Amino acid sequence: MINKGYLEEGNLGNLAKKLLYEIPKNDIDEEYYNQVRDTIKELKDKNMRQENFLLNISHDLRAHLNVILSVMQCIDYGNVNVMDKKALEYMGLVKRNSLKMLKLINNLIDTTKFENNYYMLNKRNIDIISMVEGTVGCVDKYAKQKNIQLVFDTNEEECIMAVDPELIDRIVMNLISNAIKFSPKDSNIYINIFVEDENINISVRDEGPGISKESREKIFDRFYQISQKSNRENGGSGIGLDLVNYLTKAHDGKVTLNSEEGKGSEFIVTLPICRLVEVDEDRPLNRSDKIQMLEIEFSDIYLI
C-alpha cells in the first residue's frame, strides 16, 4: 500500500510518475490506485489554474504600470505641458490605471484574509434597501457610458438588518460592475430586492451573453476566468466573484447563479435577516469614502 504522505511531498510531476508508472499497478489496491490518480489529476489542474492566475495578475499589473510609466516619461522629458488639455488626459490615465491596480490588490488581499478567517466585520443595523438603492443611483453614470439602463425594484420599502455596510456595498458594486462589462450597449440591468420572512434576496440580472454550463460550475473559483480569449479590458482577473462569495458567506449568506448562454445571467445574494441587540445609529458611509469605492470598483469601465 502506498503511503498517503507521498501526496504532500516532493515535485508533483515526479510524484505522479512514481505513483502511476514506477509502481506496478498489481502491487497496490485498485481502488486506492484510482483515488491517487484522481487526486493527482485534481492537484495538477489546480496547479495549472494557479499558474494562469498568477500570469494574469502579473499581466494586469505590468500593463497598468507601463501606462503610468509612459505618461511620466512624457512629462519628465518635457513633451507635455502639465497645464494643457493633453496633460490632463494623461493624468487621467495615470489615475485610472492606478485605481485598477489598487482594486486588483485590494481584492487579492481581502480574499486571502477571508480564506484564512482573518477579517473582522463591522455590522450595524441599517436599512439595506435604501443603501442598495443609493448605490445603484451612484453607479448609474458608469452604465450610461454604454447606454445601459439600471432598473431598480423592491417588494418592500424598508428592511432594517445587521450587515457591514461597506462589504454589502462592495458586493453590489462588484455584481453591477460585472454586469455592465459583459452587457451589450442599449440593454438593461435589473437590480431587484425581494424581502421574505427570514431572508432578503438581492438580484442583479443582465441581458448579456450568458455563461456556459462548464463555466457556471467554476465561476466562484478564484483561479478561473470565464474566457481566456475575451478582451483583456473586460476579462478581469477572476478575483471579483470569488470575493463576492466570501463577503456573502461572511454574512452567513449564499450566492446563486442563474444563467443560460445567449439569455443573460442573474446573480442572487441571499442574506438572513437579523438585527443587533444594541441598536446602532444608521450612519451612511462618508461621502468621500463612497466616491473612492466607486472609482476603484468601476476603474475597469471606460468613461467616454
Protein backbone atom coordinates (compact mmCIF):
# COMPACT_ATOMS: atom_id res chain seq x y z
CA MET A 1 0.00 0.00 0.00
CA ILE A 2 1.30 3.48 -0.91
CA ASN A 3 1.86 5.90 1.95
CA LYS A 4 -0.63 8.77 1.53
CA GLY A 5 2.03 11.09 2.86
CA TYR A 6 3.60 10.92 -0.58
CA LEU A 7 0.86 13.27 -1.76
CA GLU A 8 2.24 16.03 0.46
CA GLU A 9 5.87 15.65 -0.56
CA GLY A 10 8.09 16.46 -3.50
CA ASN A 11 7.53 17.68 -7.02
CA LEU A 12 4.04 16.88 -8.30
CA GLY A 13 5.29 15.63 -11.67
CA ASN A 14 7.86 13.28 -10.12
CA LEU A 15 5.29 12.10 -7.60
CA ALA A 16 2.79 11.30 -10.33
CA LYS A 17 5.44 9.39 -12.26
CA LYS A 18 6.42 7.38 -9.18
CA LEU A 19 2.86 6.51 -8.19
CA LEU A 20 1.42 5.85 -11.61
CA TYR A 21 4.28 4.40 -13.61
CA GLU A 22 7.12 3.10 -11.46
CA ILE A 23 4.98 1.11 -9.02
CA PRO A 24 3.25 -1.87 -10.68
CA LYS A 25 -0.50 -1.48 -10.51
CA ASN A 26 -0.99 -5.05 -9.31
CA ASP A 27 1.10 -4.27 -6.21
CA ILE A 28 -1.45 -1.86 -4.81
CA ASP A 29 -5.16 -1.78 -4.09
CA GLU A 30 -7.05 -0.82 -7.28
CA GLU A 31 -9.49 1.48 -5.51
CA TYR A 32 -6.68 3.33 -3.77
CA TYR A 33 -4.74 3.49 -7.03
CA ASN A 34 -7.73 5.19 -8.70
CA GLN A 35 -8.10 7.60 -5.78
CA VAL A 36 -4.44 8.56 -6.02
CA ARG A 37 -4.72 9.03 -9.77
CA ASP A 38 -7.79 11.26 -9.43
CA THR A 39 -6.18 13.26 -6.61
CA ILE A 40 -3.06 13.89 -8.66
CA LYS A 41 -5.14 14.97 -11.65
CA GLU A 42 -7.10 17.37 -9.42
CA LEU A 43 -3.90 18.81 -7.94
CA LYS A 44 -2.36 19.24 -11.39
CA ASP A 45 -5.48 21.04 -12.64
CA LYS A 46 -5.47 23.32 -9.59
CA ASN A 47 -1.77 23.99 -10.04
CA MET A 48 -2.36 24.96 -13.66
CA ARG A 49 -5.19 27.33 -12.69
CA GLN A 50 -2.97 28.94 -10.06
CA GLU A 51 -0.19 29.45 -12.59
CA ASN A 52 -2.62 31.00 -15.07
CA PHE A 53 -3.99 33.19 -12.29
CA LEU A 54 -0.52 34.49 -11.37
CA LEU A 55 0.25 35.11 -15.04
CA ASN A 56 -2.99 37.09 -15.42
CA ILE A 57 -2.26 39.14 -12.30
CA SER A 58 1.27 39.85 -13.49
CA HIS A 59 -0.01 40.83 -16.92
CA ASP A 60 -2.58 43.24 -15.46
CA LEU A 61 -0.17 44.88 -13.03
CA ARG A 62 2.53 45.24 -15.70
CA ALA A 63 0.08 46.68 -18.24
CA HIS A 64 -1.18 49.34 -15.82
CA LEU A 65 2.35 50.18 -14.69
CA ASN A 66 3.52 50.56 -18.29
CA VAL A 67 0.78 53.13 -18.94
CA ILE A 68 1.74 55.07 -15.82
CA LEU A 69 5.46 54.97 -16.61
CA SER A 70 4.89 56.05 -20.23
CA VAL A 71 2.92 59.09 -19.10
CA MET A 72 5.52 60.01 -16.51
CA GLN A 73 8.28 59.71 -19.12
CA CYS A 74 6.45 62.16 -21.39
CA ILE A 75 6.20 64.63 -18.52
CA ASP A 76 9.83 64.11 -17.46
CA TYR A 77 11.17 64.72 -20.97
CA GLY A 78 9.14 67.89 -21.34
CA ASN A 79 6.92 66.55 -24.12
CA VAL A 80 3.81 67.52 -22.18
CA ASN A 81 2.86 70.85 -20.69
CA VAL A 82 1.28 69.95 -17.37
CA MET A 83 -1.21 72.78 -17.85
CA ASP A 84 -2.61 71.77 -21.27
CA LYS A 85 -5.58 69.56 -22.08
CA LYS A 86 -3.45 66.63 -23.22
CA ALA A 87 -1.65 66.60 -19.88
CA LEU A 88 -4.96 66.35 -18.05
CA GLU A 89 -5.92 63.42 -20.27
CA TYR A 90 -2.63 61.69 -19.49
CA MET A 91 -3.02 62.28 -15.78
CA GLY A 92 -6.49 60.77 -16.04
CA LEU A 93 -4.88 57.65 -17.50
CA VAL A 94 -2.44 57.56 -14.60
CA LYS A 95 -5.26 57.82 -12.07
CA ARG A 96 -7.46 55.18 -13.71
CA ASN A 97 -4.67 52.65 -14.10
CA SER A 98 -3.55 53.28 -10.53
CA LEU A 99 -7.10 52.63 -9.34
CA LYS A 100 -7.26 49.42 -11.37
CA MET A 101 -4.07 48.22 -9.71
CA LEU A 102 -5.46 49.19 -6.30
CA LYS A 103 -8.69 47.28 -6.98
CA LEU A 104 -6.75 44.20 -8.03
CA ILE A 105 -4.52 44.32 -4.96
CA ASN A 106 -7.41 45.06 -2.56
CA ASN A 107 -9.43 42.12 -3.89
CA LEU A 108 -6.47 39.78 -3.68
CA ILE A 109 -5.65 40.81 -0.10
CA ASP A 110 -9.28 40.63 1.05
CA THR A 111 -9.98 37.20 -0.48
CA THR A 112 -6.84 35.91 1.21
CA LYS A 113 -7.98 37.36 4.55
CA PHE A 114 -11.39 35.71 4.25
CA GLU A 115 -9.89 32.44 3.11
CA ASN A 116 -7.79 32.37 6.27
CA ASN A 117 -10.62 33.59 8.54
CA TYR A 118 -8.80 36.83 9.28
CA TYR A 119 -11.37 39.57 8.71
CA MET A 120 -13.50 41.47 11.21
CA LEU A 121 -16.99 42.54 10.20
CA ASN A 122 -18.29 45.92 11.29
CA LYS A 123 -22.01 45.18 11.43
CA ARG A 124 -24.63 47.85 12.04
CA ASN A 125 -28.42 47.93 11.89
CA ILE A 126 -29.19 49.72 8.63
CA ASP A 127 -31.93 49.99 6.04
CA ILE A 128 -30.32 47.77 3.42
CA ILE A 129 -32.92 48.60 0.74
CA SER A 130 -32.23 52.33 0.98
CA MET A 131 -28.48 51.67 0.93
CA VAL A 132 -28.60 49.45 -2.18
CA GLU A 133 -30.90 51.91 -3.96
CA GLY A 134 -28.43 54.70 -3.20
CA THR A 135 -25.55 52.63 -4.56
CA VAL A 136 -27.47 51.92 -7.77
CA GLY A 137 -28.05 55.66 -8.19
CA CYS A 138 -24.34 56.37 -7.73
CA VAL A 139 -23.21 53.87 -10.38
CA ASP A 140 -25.75 54.98 -12.99
CA LYS A 141 -23.20 57.25 -14.72
CA TYR A 142 -20.96 54.24 -15.43
CA ALA A 143 -23.83 52.31 -17.03
CA LYS A 144 -24.71 55.27 -19.24
CA GLN A 145 -21.30 55.04 -20.94
CA LYS A 146 -22.78 52.04 -22.79
CA ASN A 147 -26.31 53.45 -22.80
CA ILE A 148 -27.32 50.77 -20.30
CA GLN A 149 -30.38 51.37 -18.15
CA LEU A 150 -30.26 50.33 -14.49
CA VAL A 151 -33.73 49.28 -13.31
CA PHE A 152 -34.25 49.04 -9.53
CA ASP A 153 -37.28 47.43 -7.90
CA THR A 154 -38.18 46.04 -4.48
CA ASN A 155 -41.19 44.40 -2.85
CA GLU A 156 -40.62 46.33 0.41
CA GLU A 157 -39.73 49.96 1.05
CA GLU A 158 -37.63 49.25 4.14
CA CYS A 159 -35.69 46.40 5.72
CA ILE A 160 -33.58 47.10 8.81
CA MET A 161 -30.95 44.42 9.37
CA ALA A 162 -27.43 43.96 10.72
CA VAL A 163 -24.76 44.00 7.99
CA ASP A 164 -21.38 45.52 7.31
CA PRO A 165 -22.39 48.42 5.01
CA GLU A 166 -19.01 48.68 3.28
CA LEU A 167 -18.95 44.99 2.41
CA ILE A 168 -22.55 44.98 1.16
CA ASP A 169 -21.65 47.97 -1.00
CA ARG A 170 -18.72 46.06 -2.44
CA ILE A 171 -20.94 43.07 -3.23
CA VAL A 172 -23.48 45.21 -5.07
CA MET A 173 -20.84 47.30 -6.86
CA ASN A 174 -18.95 44.21 -7.97
CA LEU A 175 -22.02 42.48 -9.37
CA ILE A 176 -23.22 45.62 -11.19
CA SER A 177 -19.71 46.29 -12.50
CA ASN A 178 -19.54 42.76 -13.93
CA ALA A 179 -23.00 43.14 -15.44
CA ILE A 180 -22.02 46.41 -17.14
CA LYS A 181 -18.78 44.96 -18.52
CA PHE A 182 -20.45 41.94 -20.08
CA SER A 183 -23.70 43.58 -21.21
CA PRO A 184 -24.21 44.86 -24.76
CA LYS A 185 -24.90 48.52 -25.42
CA ASP A 186 -28.50 49.71 -25.24
CA SER A 187 -29.54 46.95 -22.84
CA ASN A 188 -30.96 46.79 -19.30
CA ILE A 189 -29.63 45.61 -15.95
CA TYR A 190 -32.25 44.75 -13.34
CA ILE A 191 -31.45 45.12 -9.64
CA ASN A 192 -34.28 43.59 -7.62
CA ILE A 193 -34.70 43.13 -3.87
CA PHE A 194 -37.17 40.61 -2.53
CA VAL A 195 -37.78 40.52 1.23
CA GLU A 196 -39.06 37.25 2.70
CA ASP A 197 -39.87 36.32 6.31
CA GLU A 198 -36.32 35.32 7.26
CA ASN A 199 -34.17 36.25 4.24
CA ILE A 200 -33.54 39.06 1.81
CA ASN A 201 -32.61 38.38 -1.83
CA ILE A 202 -30.60 40.91 -3.84
CA SER A 203 -30.66 40.07 -7.53
CA VAL A 204 -28.55 41.55 -10.36
CA ARG A 205 -29.71 40.37 -13.78
CA ASP A 206 -28.28 41.39 -17.15
CA GLU A 207 -29.08 40.80 -20.82
CA GLY A 208 -25.56 39.75 -21.75
CA PRO A 209 -24.21 36.63 -23.48
CA GLY A 210 -24.84 34.34 -20.52
CA ILE A 211 -22.47 31.78 -19.04
CA SER A 212 -21.84 28.23 -20.23
CA LYS A 213 -22.63 25.25 -18.02
CA GLU A 214 -18.92 24.46 -17.66
CA SER A 215 -18.13 28.00 -16.51
CA ARG A 216 -21.12 28.14 -14.13
CA GLU A 217 -19.63 25.25 -12.17
CA LYS A 218 -16.33 27.13 -11.68
CA ILE A 219 -17.47 30.74 -11.65
CA PHE A 220 -16.65 31.34 -7.97
CA ASP A 221 -13.19 29.79 -8.21
CA ARG A 222 -10.54 32.47 -7.64
CA PHE A 223 -8.27 30.89 -10.25
CA TYR A 224 -10.86 30.68 -13.01
CA GLN A 225 -11.79 33.16 -15.73
CA ILE A 226 -14.90 32.84 -17.86
CA SER A 227 -12.94 33.20 -21.07
CA GLN A 228 -9.24 33.21 -21.68
CA LYS A 229 -9.94 34.66 -25.12
CA SER A 230 -12.06 37.58 -24.01
CA ASN A 231 -10.95 41.17 -24.30
CA ARG A 232 -8.41 41.81 -21.55
CA GLU A 233 -10.05 45.11 -20.75
CA ASN A 234 -13.26 43.36 -19.81
CA GLY A 235 -11.91 39.97 -18.85
CA GLY A 236 -10.69 40.88 -15.38
CA SER A 237 -8.56 38.73 -13.13
CA GLY A 238 -11.21 36.30 -11.89
CA ILE A 239 -11.00 37.52 -8.28
CA GLY A 240 -14.18 39.61 -8.13
CA LEU A 241 -16.79 36.85 -7.87
CA ASP A 242 -14.59 34.90 -5.50
CA LEU A 243 -14.60 37.97 -3.24
CA VAL A 244 -18.38 38.36 -3.57
CA ASN A 245 -18.74 34.75 -2.47
CA TYR A 246 -16.54 35.30 0.60
CA LEU A 247 -18.26 38.59 1.54
CA THR A 248 -21.66 36.92 1.32
CA LYS A 249 -20.60 33.88 3.37
CA ALA A 250 -19.19 36.25 6.00
CA HIS A 251 -22.79 37.42 6.46
CA ASP A 252 -23.96 33.77 6.69
CA GLY A 253 -25.49 34.10 3.24
CA LYS A 254 -25.07 32.45 -0.14
CA VAL A 255 -24.71 33.43 -3.80
CA THR A 256 -26.53 31.58 -6.57
CA LEU A 257 -26.27 31.94 -10.33
CA ASN A 258 -28.99 31.52 -12.93
CA SER A 259 -27.72 31.75 -16.48
CA GLU A 260 -28.18 30.38 -19.96
CA GLU A 261 -25.98 31.10 -22.94
CA GLY A 262 -27.47 33.82 -25.08
CA LYS A 263 -30.05 34.78 -22.44
CA GLY A 264 -28.10 36.74 -19.82
CA SER A 265 -27.09 36.00 -16.24
CA GLU A 266 -28.60 36.58 -12.81
CA PHE A 267 -26.65 36.58 -9.56
CA ILE A 268 -28.73 36.32 -6.39
CA VAL A 269 -27.29 37.17 -2.98
CA THR A 270 -29.38 35.70 -0.16
CA LEU A 271 -28.80 37.05 3.36
CA PRO A 272 -30.51 36.13 6.63
CA ILE A 273 -32.45 39.00 8.21
CA CYS A 274 -31.20 39.64 11.74
CA ARG A 275 -30.57 42.64 13.97
CA LEU A 276 -28.07 43.57 16.60
CA VAL A 277 -29.41 43.67 20.15
CA GLU A 278 -27.81 47.06 20.71
CA VAL A 279 -29.24 49.37 18.09
CA ASP A 280 -26.51 51.34 16.36
CA GLU A 281 -27.02 54.63 14.63
CA ASP A 282 -27.76 54.15 10.93
CA ARG A 283 -24.71 56.02 9.66
CA PRO A 284 -24.13 56.07 5.90
CA LEU A 285 -20.64 55.80 4.52
CA ASN A 286 -18.68 59.02 4.41
CA ARG A 287 -19.27 60.67 1.01
CA SER A 288 -15.58 60.81 0.15
CA ASP A 289 -15.17 57.13 1.09
CA LYS A 290 -18.17 56.24 -1.08
CA ILE A 291 -16.75 58.12 -4.07
CA GLN A 292 -13.39 56.43 -3.65
CA MET A 293 -15.03 52.98 -3.50
CA LEU A 294 -16.94 53.75 -6.70
CA GLU A 295 -13.85 54.97 -8.51
CA ILE A 296 -11.90 51.86 -7.53
CA GLU A 297 -14.66 49.33 -8.25
CA PHE A 298 -15.55 50.83 -11.64
CA SER A 299 -11.99 51.69 -12.71
CA ASP A 300 -12.07 48.98 -15.37
CA ILE A 301 -15.07 50.54 -17.12
CA TYR A 302 -14.02 53.16 -19.62
CA LEU A 303 -15.61 56.58 -19.31
CA ILE A 304 -16.17 58.43 -22.55
